[in-house]
Amino acid sequence: MDRVGLFTPTPDPFPPQHALRERGGVEQVDDRFWFVAPHALVQQGFAEASCFSSRSMSGAPSDSLLHMDGDEHRRVRRLIGRGFAPRAMHGTQGTVRAIAEEL
């Protein structure tokens, strides 16, 4: 299968994805994307930052939680987590609703 085919517009994208899942493992789709299957291997990858890092692909410094791994990710997540707790989010409902209606 053509590796680019996974992301090429097609009437039915599922057969190429199914074939990759059947083979399992890790396959590079293009210079920026990798396909990982089965689910157990995905979980293993998330647990091993040395193998699959969340660092920015550009290599540019980033303060985004999305680009942090391991202890650094946990430390920052603990710091900001309270701001996203249900009680805190509920307190923003009126403001968010007003902005959405205005837009």
N, C-alpha and C. Protein backbone atom coordinates (compact mmCIF):
# COMPACT_ATOMS: atom_id res chain seq x y z
N MET A 1 0.84 -1.18 0.00
CA MET A 1 0.00 0.00 0.00
C MET A 1 0.88 1.24 0.00
N ASP A 2 0.49 2.22 -0.73
CA ASP A 2 1.16 3.51 -0.75
C ASP A 2 0.95 4.17 0.61
N ARG A 3 2.04 4.50 1.31
CA ARG A 3 1.93 5.07 2.65
C ARG A 3 1.15 6.38 2.66
N VAL A 4 1.26 7.16 1.62
CA VAL A 4 0.53 8.43 1.56
C VAL A 4 -0.95 8.16 1.44
N GLY A 5 -1.34 6.99 0.93
CA GLY A 5 -2.74 6.63 0.73
C GLY A 5 -3.58 6.72 1.98
N LEU A 6 -2.95 6.60 3.14
CA LEU A 6 -3.70 6.66 4.39
C LEU A 6 -4.36 8.02 4.57
N PHE A 7 -3.72 9.10 4.08
CA PHE A 7 -4.27 10.44 4.25
C PHE A 7 -4.71 11.06 2.94
N THR A 8 -4.70 10.31 1.86
CA THR A 8 -5.16 10.81 0.58
C THR A 8 -6.67 10.71 0.53
N PRO A 9 -7.37 11.79 0.11
CA PRO A 9 -8.83 11.70 0.02
C PRO A 9 -9.26 10.52 -0.84
N THR A 10 -10.16 9.73 -0.32
CA THR A 10 -10.62 8.54 -1.01
C THR A 10 -12.06 8.27 -0.58
N PRO A 11 -12.85 7.62 -1.42
CA PRO A 11 -14.23 7.34 -1.03
C PRO A 11 -14.33 6.49 0.24
N ASP A 12 -13.37 5.59 0.46
CA ASP A 12 -13.41 4.71 1.62
C ASP A 12 -12.00 4.58 2.20
N PRO A 13 -11.66 5.39 3.21
CA PRO A 13 -10.30 5.36 3.75
C PRO A 13 -10.04 4.18 4.67
N PHE A 14 -11.07 3.40 5.00
CA PHE A 14 -10.89 2.38 6.01
C PHE A 14 -10.08 1.16 5.59
N PRO A 15 -10.16 0.66 4.35
CA PRO A 15 -9.33 -0.50 3.99
C PRO A 15 -7.83 -0.30 4.22
N PRO A 16 -7.23 0.85 3.84
CA PRO A 16 -5.80 1.02 4.13
C PRO A 16 -5.51 1.04 5.63
N GLN A 17 -6.40 1.67 6.40
CA GLN A 17 -6.19 1.70 7.85
C GLN A 17 -6.33 0.29 8.44
N HIS A 18 -7.29 -0.47 7.94
CA HIS A 18 -7.48 -1.84 8.42
C HIS A 18 -6.24 -2.68 8.12
N ALA A 19 -5.68 -2.53 6.94
CA ALA A 19 -4.48 -3.29 6.57
C ALA A 19 -3.32 -2.94 7.51
N LEU A 20 -3.16 -1.67 7.84
CA LEU A 20 -2.10 -1.28 8.76
C LEU A 20 -2.34 -1.87 10.15
N ARG A 21 -3.58 -1.87 10.59
CA ARG A 21 -3.89 -2.44 11.91
C ARG A 21 -3.61 -3.94 11.92
N GLU A 22 -3.92 -4.63 10.83
CA GLU A 22 -3.68 -6.08 10.74
C GLU A 22 -2.19 -6.39 10.84
N ARG A 23 -1.36 -5.58 10.16
CA ARG A 23 0.09 -5.80 10.21
C ARG A 23 0.65 -5.45 11.58
N GLY A 24 0.05 -4.44 12.22
CA GLY A 24 0.52 -4.00 13.53
C GLY A 24 1.88 -3.34 13.45
N GLY A 25 2.31 -2.84 14.58
CA GLY A 25 3.61 -2.20 14.64
C GLY A 25 3.52 -0.71 14.40
N VAL A 26 4.64 -0.16 13.97
CA VAL A 26 4.76 1.28 13.75
C VAL A 26 5.19 1.50 12.31
N GLU A 27 4.44 2.31 11.59
CA GLU A 27 4.78 2.62 10.20
C GLU A 27 4.75 4.12 10.00
N GLN A 28 5.78 4.62 9.33
CA GLN A 28 5.81 6.04 9.02
C GLN A 28 4.94 6.28 7.79
N VAL A 29 3.96 7.17 7.93
CA VAL A 29 3.02 7.47 6.85
C VAL A 29 3.62 8.52 5.92
N ASP A 30 4.18 9.57 6.49
CA ASP A 30 4.91 10.58 5.73
C ASP A 30 5.91 11.23 6.67
N ASP A 31 6.50 12.38 6.30
CA ASP A 31 7.55 12.93 7.16
C ASP A 31 7.05 13.41 8.51
N ARG A 32 5.75 13.56 8.71
CA ARG A 32 5.24 14.07 9.99
C ARG A 32 4.34 13.10 10.74
N PHE A 33 3.85 12.05 10.10
CA PHE A 33 2.86 11.18 10.73
C PHE A 33 3.33 9.73 10.78
N TRP A 34 2.99 9.09 11.88
CA TRP A 34 3.26 7.67 12.09
C TRP A 34 1.95 6.98 12.42
N PHE A 35 1.80 5.76 12.00
CA PHE A 35 0.63 4.95 12.32
C PHE A 35 1.09 3.88 13.30
N VAL A 36 0.40 3.78 14.45
CA VAL A 36 0.78 2.82 15.49
C VAL A 36 -0.43 1.96 15.81
N ALA A 37 -0.26 0.64 15.79
CA ALA A 37 -1.33 -0.29 16.13
C ALA A 37 -0.67 -1.58 16.62
N PRO A 38 -1.32 -2.35 17.43
CA PRO A 38 -2.64 -2.21 18.01
C PRO A 38 -2.63 -1.26 19.21
N HIS A 39 -3.77 -1.16 19.88
CA HIS A 39 -3.95 -0.23 20.99
C HIS A 39 -2.91 -0.43 22.09
N ALA A 40 -2.56 -1.67 22.39
CA ALA A 40 -1.57 -1.93 23.45
C ALA A 40 -0.23 -1.27 23.12
N LEU A 41 0.14 -1.24 21.85
CA LEU A 41 1.38 -0.61 21.44
C LEU A 41 1.28 0.92 21.56
N VAL A 42 0.10 1.46 21.29
CA VAL A 42 -0.12 2.89 21.46
C VAL A 42 0.05 3.26 22.94
N GLN A 43 -0.55 2.47 23.83
CA GLN A 43 -0.42 2.73 25.27
C GLN A 43 1.05 2.66 25.71
N GLN A 44 1.77 1.68 25.20
CA GLN A 44 3.19 1.54 25.53
C GLN A 44 3.95 2.78 25.07
N GLY A 45 3.63 3.26 23.88
CA GLY A 45 4.29 4.45 23.35
C GLY A 45 4.05 5.68 24.20
N PHE A 46 2.83 5.85 24.67
CA PHE A 46 2.52 6.99 25.53
C PHE A 46 3.30 6.91 26.84
N ALA A 47 3.59 5.71 27.29
CA ALA A 47 4.29 5.53 28.56
C ALA A 47 5.81 5.70 28.42
N GLU A 48 6.33 5.65 27.20
CA GLU A 48 7.78 5.71 26.99
C GLU A 48 8.16 6.95 26.19
N ALA A 49 8.40 8.05 26.91
CA ALA A 49 8.74 9.31 26.24
C ALA A 49 10.03 9.21 25.44
N SER A 50 10.90 8.28 25.81
CA SER A 50 12.15 8.14 25.05
C SER A 50 11.90 7.60 23.65
N CYS A 51 10.76 6.92 23.48
CA CYS A 51 10.42 6.34 22.18
C CYS A 51 9.45 7.24 21.41
N PHE A 52 8.41 7.68 22.08
CA PHE A 52 7.40 8.54 21.47
C PHE A 52 7.25 9.79 22.32
N SER A 53 7.90 10.85 21.94
CA SER A 53 7.88 12.07 22.73
C SER A 53 6.79 13.02 22.26
N SER A 54 6.32 13.85 23.17
CA SER A 54 5.34 14.88 22.84
C SER A 54 6.02 16.19 22.46
N ARG A 55 7.33 16.21 22.48
CA ARG A 55 8.08 17.42 22.12
C ARG A 55 7.67 17.90 20.74
N SER A 56 7.72 19.20 20.54
CA SER A 56 7.37 19.80 19.26
C SER A 56 8.24 19.21 18.15
N MET A 57 7.62 18.83 17.06
CA MET A 57 8.35 18.26 15.94
C MET A 57 9.30 19.27 15.32
N SER A 58 9.00 20.55 15.45
CA SER A 58 9.85 21.57 14.86
C SER A 58 11.14 21.73 15.65
N GLY A 59 11.15 21.24 16.90
CA GLY A 59 12.31 21.41 17.75
C GLY A 59 12.34 22.76 18.43
N ALA A 60 11.38 23.63 18.08
CA ALA A 60 11.33 24.96 18.68
C ALA A 60 10.88 24.85 20.13
N PRO A 61 11.40 25.69 21.01
CA PRO A 61 10.97 25.66 22.41
C PRO A 61 9.47 25.90 22.51
N SER A 62 8.83 25.22 23.43
CA SER A 62 7.39 25.36 23.60
C SER A 62 7.03 25.25 25.07
N ASP A 63 6.15 26.12 25.53
CA ASP A 63 5.65 26.05 26.90
C ASP A 63 4.31 25.33 26.96
N SER A 64 3.86 24.77 25.85
CA SER A 64 2.56 24.11 25.79
C SER A 64 2.60 22.77 26.51
N LEU A 65 1.59 22.51 27.31
CA LEU A 65 1.45 21.22 27.98
C LEU A 65 1.44 20.08 26.97
N LEU A 66 0.93 20.35 25.78
CA LEU A 66 0.87 19.33 24.74
C LEU A 66 2.26 18.87 24.29
N HIS A 67 3.27 19.69 24.53
CA HIS A 67 4.63 19.36 24.08
C HIS A 67 5.54 18.97 25.23
N MET A 68 4.96 18.53 26.34
CA MET A 68 5.75 18.13 27.50
C MET A 68 5.59 16.64 27.76
N ASP A 69 6.63 16.05 28.32
CA ASP A 69 6.62 14.62 28.65
C ASP A 69 6.84 14.42 30.14
N GLY A 70 6.47 13.25 30.62
CA GLY A 70 6.81 12.76 31.94
C GLY A 70 6.60 13.70 33.10
N ASP A 71 7.67 13.84 33.91
CA ASP A 71 7.58 14.64 35.14
C ASP A 71 7.22 16.09 34.85
N GLU A 72 7.78 16.65 33.79
CA GLU A 72 7.47 18.04 33.43
C GLU A 72 5.98 18.20 33.15
N HIS A 73 5.40 17.26 32.40
CA HIS A 73 3.97 17.29 32.07
C HIS A 73 3.14 17.19 33.35
N ARG A 74 3.48 16.25 34.22
CA ARG A 74 2.72 16.06 35.46
C ARG A 74 2.80 17.30 36.35
N ARG A 75 3.98 17.91 36.47
CA ARG A 75 4.15 19.10 37.30
C ARG A 75 3.26 20.25 36.83
N VAL A 76 3.30 20.53 35.52
CA VAL A 76 2.52 21.63 34.98
C VAL A 76 1.03 21.30 35.03
N ARG A 77 0.67 20.07 34.76
CA ARG A 77 -0.75 19.67 34.80
C ARG A 77 -1.32 19.86 36.20
N ARG A 78 -0.53 19.51 37.24
CA ARG A 78 -1.00 19.72 38.61
C ARG A 78 -1.21 21.21 38.90
N LEU A 79 -0.33 22.05 38.37
CA LEU A 79 -0.44 23.49 38.61
C LEU A 79 -1.70 24.10 37.99
N ILE A 80 -2.05 23.66 36.79
CA ILE A 80 -3.19 24.28 36.10
C ILE A 80 -4.48 23.49 36.24
N GLY A 81 -4.40 22.27 36.74
CA GLY A 81 -5.56 21.39 36.80
C GLY A 81 -6.76 21.96 37.52
N ARG A 82 -6.54 22.68 38.62
CA ARG A 82 -7.68 23.22 39.39
C ARG A 82 -8.50 24.20 38.56
N GLY A 83 -7.84 24.92 37.67
CA GLY A 83 -8.55 25.89 36.84
C GLY A 83 -9.50 25.24 35.84
N PHE A 84 -9.32 23.94 35.59
CA PHE A 84 -10.18 23.23 34.66
C PHE A 84 -11.10 22.23 35.35
N ALA A 85 -11.14 22.27 36.67
CA ALA A 85 -12.04 21.40 37.43
C ALA A 85 -13.48 21.81 37.12
N PRO A 86 -14.43 20.88 37.24
CA PRO A 86 -15.84 21.20 36.93
C PRO A 86 -16.36 22.45 37.64
N ARG A 87 -16.04 22.62 38.91
CA ARG A 87 -16.53 23.79 39.65
C ARG A 87 -15.98 25.07 39.02
N ALA A 88 -14.70 25.10 38.68
CA ALA A 88 -14.10 26.30 38.09
C ALA A 88 -14.68 26.56 36.71
N MET A 89 -14.87 25.52 35.92
CA MET A 89 -15.43 25.70 34.58
C MET A 89 -16.87 26.17 34.65
N HIS A 90 -17.63 25.68 35.61
CA HIS A 90 -19.02 26.10 35.76
C HIS A 90 -19.10 27.60 36.02
N GLY A 91 -18.13 28.13 36.74
CA GLY A 91 -18.11 29.55 37.04
C GLY A 91 -17.90 30.44 35.82
N THR A 92 -17.41 29.88 34.72
CA THR A 92 -17.18 30.66 33.50
C THR A 92 -18.35 30.56 32.52
N GLN A 93 -19.34 29.77 32.84
CA GLN A 93 -20.44 29.49 31.91
C GLN A 93 -21.13 30.75 31.40
N GLY A 94 -21.44 31.68 32.28
CA GLY A 94 -22.14 32.91 31.86
C GLY A 94 -21.30 33.74 30.90
N THR A 95 -20.02 33.89 31.20
CA THR A 95 -19.13 34.66 30.34
C THR A 95 -18.98 34.01 28.97
N VAL A 96 -18.77 32.70 28.97
CA VAL A 96 -18.61 31.98 27.71
C VAL A 96 -19.88 32.06 26.88
N ARG A 97 -21.02 31.89 27.51
CA ARG A 97 -22.30 31.97 26.81
C ARG A 97 -22.49 33.36 26.18
N ALA A 98 -22.19 34.43 26.95
CA ALA A 98 -22.36 35.80 26.44
C ALA A 98 -21.45 36.05 25.24
N ILE A 99 -20.21 35.60 25.32
CA ILE A 99 -19.28 35.77 24.20
C ILE A 99 -19.76 35.00 22.99
N ALA A 100 -20.21 33.77 23.19
CA ALA A 100 -20.69 32.95 22.08
C ALA A 100 -21.91 33.58 21.42
N GLU A 101 -22.83 34.09 22.20
CA GLU A 101 -24.04 34.72 21.64
C GLU A 101 -23.67 36.00 20.88
N GLU A 102 -22.70 36.74 21.41
CA GLU A 102 -22.27 37.98 20.73
C GLU A 102 -21.62 37.66 19.38
N LEU A 103 -20.85 36.58 19.35
CA LEU A 103 -20.18 36.20 18.10
C LEU A 103 -21.16 35.62 17.11
